[in-house]
Amino acid sequence: MPEEMERNLALELVRVTEAAALAAGLWLGRGDKNGADGAAVDAMRRALSRIDMDGVVVIGEGEKDEAPMLFIGEEIGNGRPPRVDIAVDPIDGTRLLAYGMPGAVAVVALAARGTMYSAPQGVFYMEKIAVGRDAQGAINVNASVADNIASVSKALGREEGNVTVIVLDRPRHEQLIKEIRATGARVRLIPDGDVAGAIAAADPSTSVDMLMGTGGAPEAVVAACALKGMGGDLQCKLYFRDVAEYRNAVKQGIDPDQVLSINDLVSSDDTFFAATGITDGELLRGVHYSSGQATTESLVMRGKSGTIRYIRAIHHGEKLSNIIS
């Protein structure tokens, strides 16, 4: 890919997440997760279809949601080079948006064709640990909670346990939370949105140092693209909810104990990631509508250069209508 086109592609992806966020933001607090998700998917797909690329959706609305658009394997873009893998999450934190809670974002990631990991059919979750640049190489998903926290504390130059760990608020994490607190570390619970949680763990401007716990497998790949741009680190293992899921993975020739590094999740360093806030959060400000216009805040990252840009945009009148209609 020519250098100039690569840079333009990064900015095109921001337009994609802006479109999804603007469409989704109209559903804030309405309690309708499906309506919000449908609006975001429609807007994101229209925006993606205009981009100069020959894309295939590797991480999409997917098998679990039985989505009619942005499904895994869908071809997207105008068919011109470059040939790329695409990962989308039109709303990371659908419940957050539906119930007027902070932290919902629209995200899209892109990498060279064939470089994004695709989870085995029928397996939806992974155990995850994510950290930022200063703790790169200090995590081991097979190690105990105490050992990981001790290792990250040391890497950050802190007293053992003097870290904050972000965890999805789920019943399955009850024991994990006890083990984290037993080390003296702080726990920050989030109701949804572990892509944003992983980014927060890698962002030195936040109060978060690590993400731990079990979350969606597709979200791990999306987060890996973001963390490559931030210099962070991520390790995962497949998580099986029952024996049937385990046996199904084994039948597909998958090693159920494999540790997936950030490079296993996305093998290319030439990655792009874009996110736009939908509701106000620590990572990004949400969409705000006022007097026929709307403002958005986005970030875009490129893995190859490590460049991170924050973009605040004002969308007016007819242009705004074209984005969300």
C-alpha atoms as a PDB file:
ATOM      1  CA  MET A   1       0.000   0.000   0.000  1.00  0.00           C
ATOM      2  CA  PRO A   2       1.397   3.434  -0.887  1.00  0.00           C
ATOM      3  CA  GLU A   3       2.216   5.510   2.213  1.00  0.00           C
ATOM      4  CA  GLU A   4      -0.231   8.326   1.377  1.00  0.00           C
ATOM      5  CA  MET A   5      -3.119   5.938   0.900  1.00  0.00           C
ATOM      6  CA  GLU A   6      -2.377   4.274   4.246  1.00  0.00           C
ATOM      7  CA  ARG A   7      -2.642   7.583   6.042  1.00  0.00           C
ATOM      8  CA  ASN A   8      -5.845   8.482   4.243  1.00  0.00           C
ATOM      9  CA  LEU A   9      -7.274   5.102   5.231  1.00  0.00           C
ATOM     10  CA  ALA A  10      -6.797   5.918   8.899  1.00  0.00           C
ATOM     11  CA  LEU A  11      -8.893   9.060   8.564  1.00  0.00           C
ATOM     12  CA  GLU A  12     -11.521   7.199   6.533  1.00  0.00           C
ATOM     13  CA  LEU A  13     -11.983   4.823   9.454  1.00  0.00           C
ATOM     14  CA  VAL A  14     -12.717   7.735  11.771  1.00  0.00           C
ATOM     15  CA  ARG A  15     -15.560   8.737   9.466  1.00  0.00           C
ATOM     16  CA  VAL A  16     -16.882   5.185   9.815  1.00  0.00           C
ATOM     17  CA  THR A  17     -16.957   5.274  13.621  1.00  0.00           C
ATOM     18  CA  GLU A  18     -18.350   8.804  13.610  1.00  0.00           C
ATOM     19  CA  ALA A  19     -21.250   7.647  11.437  1.00  0.00           C
ATOM     20  CA  ALA A  20     -22.015   4.715  13.749  1.00  0.00           C
ATOM     21  CA  ALA A  21     -21.771   6.881  16.869  1.00  0.00           C
ATOM     22  CA  LEU A  22     -24.013   9.622  15.471  1.00  0.00           C
ATOM     23  CA  ALA A  23     -26.680   7.091  14.499  1.00  0.00           C
ATOM     24  CA  ALA A  24     -26.447   5.218  17.786  1.00  0.00           C
ATOM     25  CA  GLY A  25     -26.434   8.337  19.939  1.00  0.00           C
ATOM     26  CA  LEU A  26     -30.041   9.074  19.003  1.00  0.00           C
ATOM     27  CA  TRP A  27     -31.007   5.939  20.975  1.00  0.00           C
ATOM     28  CA  LEU A  28     -29.403   7.094  24.233  1.00  0.00           C
ATOM     29  CA  GLY A  29     -31.428   6.003  27.253  1.00  0.00           C
ATOM     30  CA  ARG A  30     -34.329   4.511  25.287  1.00  0.00           C
ATOM     31  CA  GLY A  31     -33.791   1.020  26.657  1.00  0.00           C
ATOM     32  CA  ASP A  32     -33.780  -0.512  23.166  1.00  0.00           C
ATOM     33  CA  LYS A  33     -30.476  -2.332  22.612  1.00  0.00           C
ATOM     34  CA  ASN A  34     -31.583  -3.896  19.330  1.00  0.00           C
ATOM     35  CA  GLY A  35     -32.810  -0.610  17.874  1.00  0.00           C
ATOM     36  CA  ALA A  36     -29.577   1.150  18.795  1.00  0.00           C
ATOM     37  CA  ASP A  37     -27.412  -1.642  17.438  1.00  0.00           C
ATOM     38  CA  GLY A  38     -29.373  -1.786  14.177  1.00  0.00           C
ATOM     39  CA  ALA A  39     -28.971   1.945  13.607  1.00  0.00           C
ATOM     40  CA  ALA A  40     -25.219   1.785  14.291  1.00  0.00           C
ATOM     41  CA  VAL A  41     -24.712  -1.259  12.045  1.00  0.00           C
ATOM     42  CA  ASP A  42     -26.585   0.370   9.132  1.00  0.00           C
ATOM     43  CA  ALA A  43     -24.585   3.598   9.401  1.00  0.00           C
ATOM     44  CA  MET A  44     -21.249   1.816   9.785  1.00  0.00           C
ATOM     45  CA  ARG A  45     -21.857  -0.472   6.824  1.00  0.00           C
ATOM     46  CA  ARG A  46     -22.789   2.436   4.532  1.00  0.00           C
ATOM     47  CA  ALA A  47     -19.635   4.307   5.523  1.00  0.00           C
ATOM     48  CA  LEU A  48     -17.401   1.247   5.061  1.00  0.00           C
ATOM     49  CA  SER A  49     -18.835   0.544   1.606  1.00  0.00           C
ATOM     50  CA  ARG A  50     -17.488   3.890   0.325  1.00  0.00           C
ATOM     51  CA  ILE A  51     -13.857   3.245   1.277  1.00  0.00           C
ATOM     52  CA  ASP A  52     -11.178   2.295  -1.250  1.00  0.00           C
ATOM     53  CA  MET A  53     -10.445  -1.221   0.000  1.00  0.00           C
ATOM     54  CA  ASP A  54     -11.107  -4.875  -0.681  1.00  0.00           C
ATOM     55  CA  GLY A  55     -12.211  -5.857   2.810  1.00  0.00           C
ATOM     56  CA  VAL A  56     -13.541  -8.972   4.482  1.00  0.00           C
ATOM     57  CA  VAL A  57     -15.250  -8.842   7.878  1.00  0.00           C
ATOM     58  CA  VAL A  58     -13.330 -11.195  10.173  1.00  0.00           C
ATOM     59  CA  ILE A  59     -14.786  -9.905  13.440  1.00  0.00           C
ATOM     60  CA  GLY A  60     -18.344  -8.701  13.049  1.00  0.00           C
ATOM     61  CA  GLU A  61     -21.824  -8.783  14.479  1.00  0.00           C
ATOM     62  CA  GLY A  62     -21.219 -12.436  13.953  1.00  0.00           C
ATOM     63  CA  GLU A  63     -22.394 -15.905  14.651  1.00  0.00           C
ATOM     64  CA  LYS A  64     -23.626 -15.183  18.186  1.00  0.00           C
ATOM     65  CA  ASP A  65     -25.921 -12.346  17.073  1.00  0.00           C
ATOM     66  CA  GLU A  66     -27.028 -13.942  13.766  1.00  0.00           C
ATOM     67  CA  ALA A  67     -26.684 -10.511  12.182  1.00  0.00           C
ATOM     68  CA  PRO A  68     -27.886  -9.777   8.632  1.00  0.00           C
ATOM     69  CA  MET A  69     -25.140  -7.163   8.044  1.00  0.00           C
ATOM     70  CA  LEU A  70     -21.467  -6.838   8.956  1.00  0.00           C
ATOM     71  CA  PHE A  71     -21.480 -10.592   9.462  1.00  0.00           C
ATOM     72  CA  ILE A  72     -18.292 -12.658   9.461  1.00  0.00           C
ATOM     73  CA  GLY A  73     -17.170 -13.264   5.880  1.00  0.00           C
ATOM     74  CA  GLU A  74     -19.042 -10.303   4.399  1.00  0.00           C
ATOM     75  CA  GLU A  75     -17.094  -8.432   1.721  1.00  0.00           C
ATOM     76  CA  ILE A  76     -17.001  -4.709   2.320  1.00  0.00           C
ATOM     77  CA  GLY A  77     -15.499  -1.660   0.604  1.00  0.00           C
ATOM     78  CA  ASN A  78     -15.503  -0.772  -3.078  1.00  0.00           C
ATOM     79  CA  GLY A  79     -13.324  -3.732  -4.109  1.00  0.00           C
ATOM     80  CA  ARG A  80     -10.157  -1.787  -4.833  1.00  0.00           C
ATOM     81  CA  PRO A  81      -6.817  -2.482  -3.091  1.00  0.00           C
ATOM     82  CA  PRO A  82      -5.668  -2.801  -0.358  1.00  0.00           C
ATOM     83  CA  ARG A  83      -6.870  -6.286   0.646  1.00  0.00           C
ATOM     84  CA  VAL A  84      -7.665  -6.152   4.353  1.00  0.00           C
ATOM     85  CA  ASP A  85      -9.270  -7.892   7.302  1.00  0.00           C
ATOM     86  CA  ILE A  86     -11.851  -5.805   9.154  1.00  0.00           C
ATOM     87  CA  ALA A  87     -13.046  -6.040  12.747  1.00  0.00           C
ATOM     88  CA  VAL A  88     -16.094  -4.042  13.765  1.00  0.00           C
ATOM     89  CA  ASP A  89     -18.031  -3.351  16.912  1.00  0.00           C
ATOM     90  CA  PRO A  90     -20.639  -0.718  16.012  1.00  0.00           C
ATOM     91  CA  ILE A  91     -21.452  -0.323  19.710  1.00  0.00           C
ATOM     92  CA  ASP A  92     -19.018  -1.565  22.335  1.00  0.00           C
ATOM     93  CA  GLY A  93     -21.324  -1.242  25.332  1.00  0.00           C
ATOM     94  CA  THR A  94     -24.824  -1.564  23.846  1.00  0.00           C
ATOM     95  CA  ARG A  95     -26.380  -1.821  27.298  1.00  0.00           C
ATOM     96  CA  LEU A  96     -24.483   1.276  28.425  1.00  0.00           C
ATOM     97  CA  LEU A  97     -26.066   3.272  25.608  1.00  0.00           C
ATOM     98  CA  ALA A  98     -29.534   1.805  26.018  1.00  0.00           C
ATOM     99  CA  TYR A  99     -29.676   2.732  29.695  1.00  0.00           C
ATOM    100  CA  GLY A 100     -27.887   6.077  29.507  1.00  0.00           C
ATOM    101  CA  MET A 101     -24.662   4.927  31.128  1.00  0.00           C
ATOM    102  CA  PRO A 102     -21.125   6.188  30.376  1.00  0.00           C
ATOM    103  CA  GLY A 103     -18.475   4.496  28.260  1.00  0.00           C
ATOM    104  CA  ALA A 104     -20.182   3.293  25.049  1.00  0.00           C
ATOM    105  CA  VAL A 105     -18.019   3.629  21.924  1.00  0.00           C
ATOM    106  CA  ALA A 106     -18.122   2.697  18.233  1.00  0.00           C
ATOM    107  CA  VAL A 107     -14.976   0.914  17.053  1.00  0.00           C
ATOM    108  CA  VAL A 108     -13.458  -0.478  13.867  1.00  0.00           C
ATOM    109  CA  ALA A 109     -10.058  -2.065  13.258  1.00  0.00           C
ATOM    110  CA  LEU A 110      -8.252  -3.040  10.106  1.00  0.00           C
ATOM    111  CA  ALA A 111      -5.158  -5.091   9.205  1.00  0.00           C
ATOM    112  CA  ALA A 112      -3.631  -6.763   6.155  1.00  0.00           C
ATOM    113  CA  ARG A 113      -5.625  -9.697   4.739  1.00  0.00           C
ATOM    114  CA  GLY A 114      -5.145 -12.938   6.638  1.00  0.00           C
ATOM    115  CA  THR A 115      -3.535 -11.437   9.733  1.00  0.00           C
ATOM    116  CA  MET A 116      -6.480 -11.302  12.177  1.00  0.00           C
ATOM    117  CA  TYR A 117      -7.265 -14.261  14.418  1.00  0.00           C
ATOM    118  CA  SER A 118     -10.657 -15.888  14.020  1.00  0.00           C
ATOM    119  CA  ALA A 119     -11.971 -17.752  17.063  1.00  0.00           C
ATOM    120  CA  PRO A 120     -13.160 -21.360  16.569  1.00  0.00           C
ATOM    121  CA  GLN A 121     -16.778 -21.695  15.552  1.00  0.00           C
ATOM    122  CA  GLY A 122     -19.017 -21.873  18.619  1.00  0.00           C
ATOM    123  CA  VAL A 123     -16.477 -20.340  21.031  1.00  0.00           C
ATOM    124  CA  PHE A 124     -17.404 -16.842  22.119  1.00  0.00           C
ATOM    125  CA  TYR A 125     -15.228 -15.955  25.126  1.00  0.00           C
ATOM    126  CA  MET A 126     -11.599 -15.573  26.176  1.00  0.00           C
ATOM    127  CA  GLU A 127      -9.691 -15.068  29.416  1.00  0.00           C
ATOM    128  CA  LYS A 128      -7.744 -11.812  29.034  1.00  0.00           C
ATOM    129  CA  ILE A 129      -5.000  -9.739  30.583  1.00  0.00           C
ATOM    130  CA  ALA A 130      -4.122  -6.350  29.078  1.00  0.00           C
ATOM    131  CA  VAL A 131      -1.565  -3.734  30.125  1.00  0.00           C
ATOM    132  CA  GLY A 132       0.144  -0.657  28.758  1.00  0.00           C
ATOM    133  CA  ARG A 133       3.581   0.002  27.306  1.00  0.00           C
ATOM    134  CA  ASP A 134       5.457   0.128  30.631  1.00  0.00           C
ATOM    135  CA  ALA A 135       4.240  -3.367  31.609  1.00  0.00           C
ATOM    136  CA  GLN A 136       4.797  -4.978  28.216  1.00  0.00           C
ATOM    137  CA  GLY A 137       6.094  -8.522  28.717  1.00  0.00           C
ATOM    138  CA  ALA A 138       5.143  -8.592  32.400  1.00  0.00           C
ATOM    139  CA  ILE A 139       1.936 -10.624  32.040  1.00  0.00           C
ATOM    140  CA  ASN A 140       1.245 -14.352  31.817  1.00  0.00           C
ATOM    141  CA  VAL A 141      -2.337 -15.541  31.416  1.00  0.00           C
ATOM    142  CA  ASN A 142      -1.322 -18.945  32.864  1.00  0.00           C
ATOM    143  CA  ALA A 143       0.121 -17.403  36.037  1.00  0.00           C
ATOM    144  CA  SER A 144      -1.874 -16.691  39.179  1.00  0.00           C
ATOM    145  CA  VAL A 145      -3.609 -13.390  39.803  1.00  0.00           C
ATOM    146  CA  ALA A 146      -1.124 -12.611  42.583  1.00  0.00           C
ATOM    147  CA  ASP A 147       1.893 -13.336  40.357  1.00  0.00           C
ATOM    148  CA  ASN A 148       0.570 -11.154  37.547  1.00  0.00           C
ATOM    149  CA  ILE A 149      -0.153  -8.245  39.859  1.00  0.00           C
ATOM    150  CA  ALA A 150       3.281  -8.573  41.476  1.00  0.00           C
ATOM    151  CA  SER A 151       4.963  -8.646  38.049  1.00  0.00           C
ATOM    152  CA  VAL A 152       3.044  -5.628  36.738  1.00  0.00           C
ATOM    153  CA  SER A 153       3.645  -3.683  39.975  1.00  0.00           C
ATOM    154  CA  LYS A 154       7.382  -4.289  39.582  1.00  0.00           C
ATOM    155  CA  ALA A 155       7.351  -3.288  35.906  1.00  0.00           C
ATOM    156  CA  LEU A 156       5.594  -0.035  36.812  1.00  0.00           C
ATOM    157  CA  GLY A 157       8.079   0.662  39.601  1.00  0.00           C
ATOM    158  CA  ARG A 158       5.428   0.484  42.294  1.00  0.00           C
ATOM    159  CA  GLU A 159       4.969  -1.189  45.620  1.00  0.00           C
ATOM    160  CA  GLU A 160       3.501  -4.658  45.149  1.00  0.00           C
ATOM    161  CA  GLY A 161      -0.287  -4.438  44.751  1.00  0.00           C
ATOM    162  CA  ASN A 162      -0.341  -0.698  44.113  1.00  0.00           C
ATOM    163  CA  VAL A 163      -2.255  -1.057  40.836  1.00  0.00           C
ATOM    164  CA  THR A 164      -5.827  -0.644  39.605  1.00  0.00           C
ATOM    165  CA  VAL A 165      -7.413  -3.514  37.686  1.00  0.00           C
ATOM    166  CA  ILE A 166     -10.477  -3.016  35.500  1.00  0.00           C
ATOM    167  CA  VAL A 167     -12.890  -5.968  35.477  1.00  0.00           C
ATOM    168  CA  LEU A 168     -16.259  -6.596  33.850  1.00  0.00           C
ATOM    169  CA  ASP A 169     -18.961  -6.724  36.514  1.00  0.00           C
ATOM    170  CA  ARG A 170     -20.130 -10.318  36.049  1.00  0.00           C
ATOM    171  CA  PRO A 171     -21.010 -13.117  38.509  1.00  0.00           C
ATOM    172  CA  ARG A 172     -18.279 -15.261  36.915  1.00  0.00           C
ATOM    173  CA  HIS A 173     -15.676 -12.788  38.180  1.00  0.00           C
ATOM    174  CA  GLU A 174     -16.566 -13.031  41.872  1.00  0.00           C
ATOM    175  CA  GLN A 175     -13.534 -15.198  42.702  1.00  0.00           C
ATOM    176  CA  LEU A 176     -11.234 -13.154  40.462  1.00  0.00           C
ATOM    177  CA  ILE A 177     -12.212  -9.959  42.268  1.00  0.00           C
ATOM    178  CA  LYS A 178     -11.487 -11.564  45.654  1.00  0.00           C
ATOM    179  CA  GLU A 179      -8.050 -12.666  44.462  1.00  0.00           C
ATOM    180  CA  ILE A 180      -7.231  -9.215  43.096  1.00  0.00           C
ATOM    181  CA  ARG A 181      -8.248  -7.494  46.315  1.00  0.00           C
ATOM    182  CA  ALA A 182      -6.296 -10.028  48.386  1.00  0.00           C
ATOM    183  CA  THR A 183      -3.092  -8.644  46.807  1.00  0.00           C
ATOM    184  CA  GLY A 184      -3.958  -5.115  47.936  1.00  0.00           C
ATOM    185  CA  ALA A 185      -4.789  -4.027  44.395  1.00  0.00           C
ATOM    186  CA  ARG A 186      -7.795  -1.884  43.568  1.00  0.00           C
ATOM    187  CA  VAL A 187     -10.695  -3.156  41.437  1.00  0.00           C
ATOM    188  CA  ARG A 188     -12.637  -0.936  39.096  1.00  0.00           C
ATOM    189  CA  LEU A 189     -15.821  -2.594  37.868  1.00  0.00           C
ATOM    190  CA  ILE A 190     -17.405  -1.780  34.509  1.00  0.00           C
ATOM    191  CA  PRO A 191     -20.829  -3.040  33.418  1.00  0.00           C
ATOM    192  CA  ASP A 192     -19.829  -3.542  29.747  1.00  0.00           C
ATOM    193  CA  GLY A 193     -17.277  -2.527  27.157  1.00  0.00           C
ATOM    194  CA  ASP A 194     -14.051  -4.462  27.565  1.00  0.00           C
ATOM    195  CA  VAL A 195     -12.499  -3.019  24.377  1.00  0.00           C
ATOM    196  CA  ALA A 196     -12.633   0.401  26.029  1.00  0.00           C
ATOM    197  CA  GLY A 197     -11.432  -1.285  29.235  1.00  0.00           C
ATOM    198  CA  ALA A 198      -8.344  -2.695  27.524  1.00  0.00           C
ATOM    199  CA  ILE A 199      -7.576   0.697  25.974  1.00  0.00           C
ATOM    200  CA  ALA A 200      -7.962   2.358  29.376  1.00  0.00           C
ATOM    201  CA  ALA A 201      -5.449  -0.117  30.813  1.00  0.00           C
ATOM    202  CA  ALA A 202      -2.932   0.896  28.125  1.00  0.00           C
ATOM    203  CA  ASP A 203      -3.598   4.637  28.324  1.00  0.00           C
ATOM    204  CA  PRO A 204      -1.230   6.344  30.801  1.00  0.00           C
ATOM    205  CA  SER A 205      -3.671   9.239  31.242  1.00  0.00           C
ATOM    206  CA  THR A 206      -6.242   6.988  32.984  1.00  0.00           C
ATOM    207  CA  SER A 207      -6.154   5.588  36.510  1.00  0.00           C
ATOM    208  CA  VAL A 208      -6.264   1.982  35.205  1.00  0.00           C
ATOM    209  CA  ASP A 209      -3.181  -0.264  35.010  1.00  0.00           C
ATOM    210  CA  MET A 210      -4.537  -3.666  33.956  1.00  0.00           C
ATOM    211  CA  LEU A 211      -7.586  -5.391  32.509  1.00  0.00           C
ATOM    212  CA  MET A 212      -8.319  -8.902  33.756  1.00  0.00           C
ATOM    213  CA  GLY A 213     -11.182 -11.359  33.327  1.00  0.00           C
ATOM    214  CA  THR A 214     -13.268 -13.162  30.761  1.00  0.00           C
ATOM    215  CA  GLY A 215     -14.894 -11.306  27.880  1.00  0.00           C
ATOM    216  CA  GLY A 216     -15.862 -11.682  24.244  1.00  0.00           C
ATOM    217  CA  ALA A 217     -13.385 -13.346  21.883  1.00  0.00           C
ATOM    218  CA  PRO A 218     -14.069 -10.882  19.037  1.00  0.00           C
ATOM    219  CA  GLU A 219     -13.409  -7.953  21.373  1.00  0.00           C
ATOM    220  CA  ALA A 220      -9.950  -9.387  22.127  1.00  0.00           C
ATOM    221  CA  VAL A 221      -8.941  -9.082  18.469  1.00  0.00           C
ATOM    222  CA  VAL A 222     -10.295  -5.535  18.231  1.00  0.00           C
ATOM    223  CA  ALA A 223      -8.443  -4.595  21.427  1.00  0.00           C
ATOM    224  CA  ALA A 224      -5.235  -6.145  20.078  1.00  0.00           C
ATOM    225  CA  CYS A 225      -5.319  -3.767  17.101  1.00  0.00           C
ATOM    226  CA  ALA A 226      -5.720  -0.807  19.455  1.00  0.00           C
ATOM    227  CA  LEU A 227      -2.995  -1.938  21.849  1.00  0.00           C
ATOM    228  CA  LYS A 228      -0.548  -2.422  18.957  1.00  0.00           C
ATOM    229  CA  GLY A 229      -0.922   1.277  18.255  1.00  0.00           C
ATOM    230  CA  MET A 230      -0.390   2.106  21.930  1.00  0.00           C
ATOM    231  CA  GLY A 231       2.558  -0.213  22.528  1.00  0.00           C
ATOM    232  CA  GLY A 232       0.558  -2.226  25.045  1.00  0.00           C
ATOM    233  CA  ASP A 233       0.385  -5.953  25.644  1.00  0.00           C
ATOM    234  CA  LEU A 234      -2.399  -8.532  25.684  1.00  0.00           C
ATOM    235  CA  GLN A 235      -2.580 -12.266  26.401  1.00  0.00           C
ATOM    236  CA  CYS A 236      -5.640 -14.504  26.070  1.00  0.00           C
ATOM    237  CA  LYS A 237      -6.842 -18.080  26.330  1.00  0.00           C
ATOM    238  CA  LEU A 238     -10.062 -19.535  24.994  1.00  0.00           C
ATOM    239  CA  TYR A 239     -12.748 -19.819  27.658  1.00  0.00           C
ATOM    240  CA  PHE A 240     -15.296 -22.621  27.390  1.00  0.00           C
ATOM    241  CA  ARG A 241     -18.652 -22.248  29.103  1.00  0.00           C
ATOM    242  CA  ASP A 242     -19.328 -25.965  29.035  1.00  0.00           C
ATOM    243  CA  VAL A 243     -17.948 -29.330  27.922  1.00  0.00           C
ATOM    244  CA  ALA A 244     -19.755 -29.092  24.575  1.00  0.00           C
ATOM    245  CA  GLU A 245     -17.871 -25.905  23.633  1.00  0.00           C
ATOM    246  CA  TYR A 246     -14.579 -27.506  24.688  1.00  0.00           C
ATOM    247  CA  ARG A 247     -15.170 -30.663  22.644  1.00  0.00           C
ATOM    248  CA  ASN A 248     -16.312 -28.646  19.641  1.00  0.00           C
ATOM    249  CA  ALA A 249     -13.048 -26.674  19.643  1.00  0.00           C
ATOM    250  CA  VAL A 250     -10.974 -29.842  19.925  1.00  0.00           C
ATOM    251  CA  LYS A 251     -12.860 -31.344  16.961  1.00  0.00           C
ATOM    252  CA  GLN A 252     -11.824 -28.294  14.945  1.00  0.00           C
ATOM    253  CA  GLY A 253      -8.176 -29.069  15.685  1.00  0.00           C
ATOM    254  CA  ILE A 254      -7.796 -26.230  18.198  1.00  0.00           C
ATOM    255  CA  ASP A 255      -5.413 -26.529  21.142  1.00  0.00           C
ATOM    256  CA  PRO A 256      -7.729 -25.535  24.021  1.00  0.00           C
ATOM    257  CA  ASP A 257      -4.770 -24.575  26.230  1.00  0.00           C
ATOM    258  CA  GLN A 258      -3.005 -22.348  23.699  1.00  0.00           C
ATOM    259  CA  VAL A 259      -1.890 -18.974  24.991  1.00  0.00           C
ATOM    260  CA  LEU A 260      -2.680 -16.285  22.435  1.00  0.00           C
ATOM    261  CA  SER A 261      -0.283 -13.356  22.424  1.00  0.00           C
ATOM    262  CA  ILE A 262      -1.072  -9.972  20.937  1.00  0.00           C
ATOM    263  CA  ASN A 263       0.795 -11.086  17.789  1.00  0.00           C
ATOM    264  CA  ASP A 264      -1.298 -14.255  17.571  1.00  0.00           C
ATOM    265  CA  LEU A 265      -4.441 -12.131  17.656  1.00  0.00           C
ATOM    266  CA  VAL A 266      -3.124  -9.749  14.978  1.00  0.00           C
ATOM    267  CA  SER A 267       0.058 -10.873  13.272  1.00  0.00           C
ATOM    268  CA  SER A 268       0.612  -7.665  11.280  1.00  0.00           C
ATOM    269  CA  ASP A 269       2.071  -4.497  12.782  1.00  0.00           C
ATOM    270  CA  ASP A 270       0.446  -2.445  10.040  1.00  0.00           C
ATOM    271  CA  THR A 271      -2.878  -2.050  11.808  1.00  0.00           C
ATOM    272  CA  PHE A 272      -5.411   0.726  12.117  1.00  0.00           C
ATOM    273  CA  PHE A 273      -7.893   1.323  14.902  1.00  0.00           C
ATOM    274  CA  ALA A 274     -10.546   4.013  15.258  1.00  0.00           C
ATOM    275  CA  ALA A 275     -13.077   4.704  18.005  1.00  0.00           C
ATOM    276  CA  THR A 276     -15.707   7.390  18.511  1.00  0.00           C
ATOM    277  CA  GLY A 277     -17.438   8.033  21.813  1.00  0.00           C
ATOM    278  CA  ILE A 278     -21.190   7.478  21.917  1.00  0.00           C
ATOM    279  CA  THR A 279     -21.814   8.236  25.589  1.00  0.00           C
ATOM    280  CA  ASP A 280     -19.446  10.276  27.754  1.00  0.00           C
ATOM    281  CA  GLY A 281     -16.688   8.168  29.278  1.00  0.00           C
ATOM    282  CA  GLU A 282     -13.163   8.253  30.616  1.00  0.00           C
ATOM    283  CA  LEU A 283     -11.747   7.356  27.207  1.00  0.00           C
ATOM    284  CA  LEU A 284     -13.778   9.664  24.956  1.00  0.00           C
ATOM    285  CA  ARG A 285     -16.524  12.261  25.162  1.00  0.00           C
ATOM    286  CA  GLY A 286     -19.825  11.066  23.738  1.00  0.00           C
ATOM    287  CA  VAL A 287     -21.998  12.474  20.949  1.00  0.00           C
ATOM    288  CA  HIS A 288     -23.696  15.776  21.804  1.00  0.00           C
ATOM    289  CA  TYR A 289     -26.537  17.159  19.687  1.00  0.00           C
ATOM    290  CA  SER A 290     -27.422  20.849  19.721  1.00  0.00           C
ATOM    291  CA  SER A 291     -29.163  23.317  17.383  1.00  0.00           C
ATOM    292  CA  GLY A 292     -28.995  21.237  14.231  1.00  0.00           C
ATOM    293  CA  GLN A 293     -25.439  20.077  14.738  1.00  0.00           C
ATOM    294  CA  ALA A 294     -23.554  17.388  16.625  1.00  0.00           C
ATOM    295  CA  THR A 295     -20.062  17.081  18.082  1.00  0.00           C
ATOM    296  CA  THR A 296     -18.021  13.883  18.280  1.00  0.00           C
ATOM    297  CA  GLU A 297     -14.705  12.934  19.815  1.00  0.00           C
ATOM    298  CA  SER A 298     -12.639  10.139  18.276  1.00  0.00           C
ATOM    299  CA  LEU A 299      -9.219   8.591  18.382  1.00  0.00           C
ATOM    300  CA  VAL A 300      -7.354   6.857  15.590  1.00  0.00           C
ATOM    301  CA  MET A 301      -4.221   4.734  15.955  1.00  0.00           C
ATOM    302  CA  ARG A 302      -1.782   3.224  13.526  1.00  0.00           C
ATOM    303  CA  GLY A 303       0.254   0.250  14.687  1.00  0.00           C
ATOM    304  CA  LYS A 304       3.125   0.716  12.219  1.00  0.00           C
ATOM    305  CA  SER A 305       3.995   4.231  13.384  1.00  0.00           C
ATOM    306  CA  GLY A 306       2.507   4.164  16.879  1.00  0.00           C
ATOM    307  CA  THR A 307       0.716   7.421  16.086  1.00  0.00           C
ATOM    308  CA  ILE A 308      -2.358   8.234  18.187  1.00  0.00           C
ATOM    309  CA  ARG A 309      -4.594  11.113  17.133  1.00  0.00           C
ATOM    310  CA  TYR A 310      -7.592  12.583  18.927  1.00  0.00           C
ATOM    311  CA  ILE A 311     -10.145  14.226  16.648  1.00  0.00           C
ATOM    312  CA  ARG A 312     -13.002  16.498  17.697  1.00  0.00           C
ATOM    313  CA  ALA A 313     -15.491  17.068  14.895  1.00  0.00           C
ATOM    314  CA  ILE A 314     -18.559  19.266  14.431  1.00  0.00           C
ATOM    315  CA  HIS A 315     -21.207  17.848  12.073  1.00  0.00           C
ATOM    316  CA  HIS A 316     -23.717  20.271  10.508  1.00  0.00           C
ATOM    317  CA  GLY A 317     -27.157  20.168   8.922  1.00  0.00           C
ATOM    318  CA  GLU A 318     -27.317  18.265   5.650  1.00  0.00           C
ATOM    319  CA  LYS A 319     -23.952  16.570   6.172  1.00  0.00           C
ATOM    320  CA  LEU A 320     -25.168  15.306   9.530  1.00  0.00           C
ATOM    321  CA  SER A 321     -28.363  13.989   7.939  1.00  0.00           C
ATOM    322  CA  ASN A 322     -26.369  12.155   5.276  1.00  0.00           C
ATOM    323  CA  ILE A 323     -24.298  10.425   7.937  1.00  0.00           C
ATOM    324  CA  ILE A 324     -27.154   9.140  10.066  1.00  0.00           C
ATOM    325  CA  SER A 325     -29.785   8.486   7.381  1.00  0.00           C
END
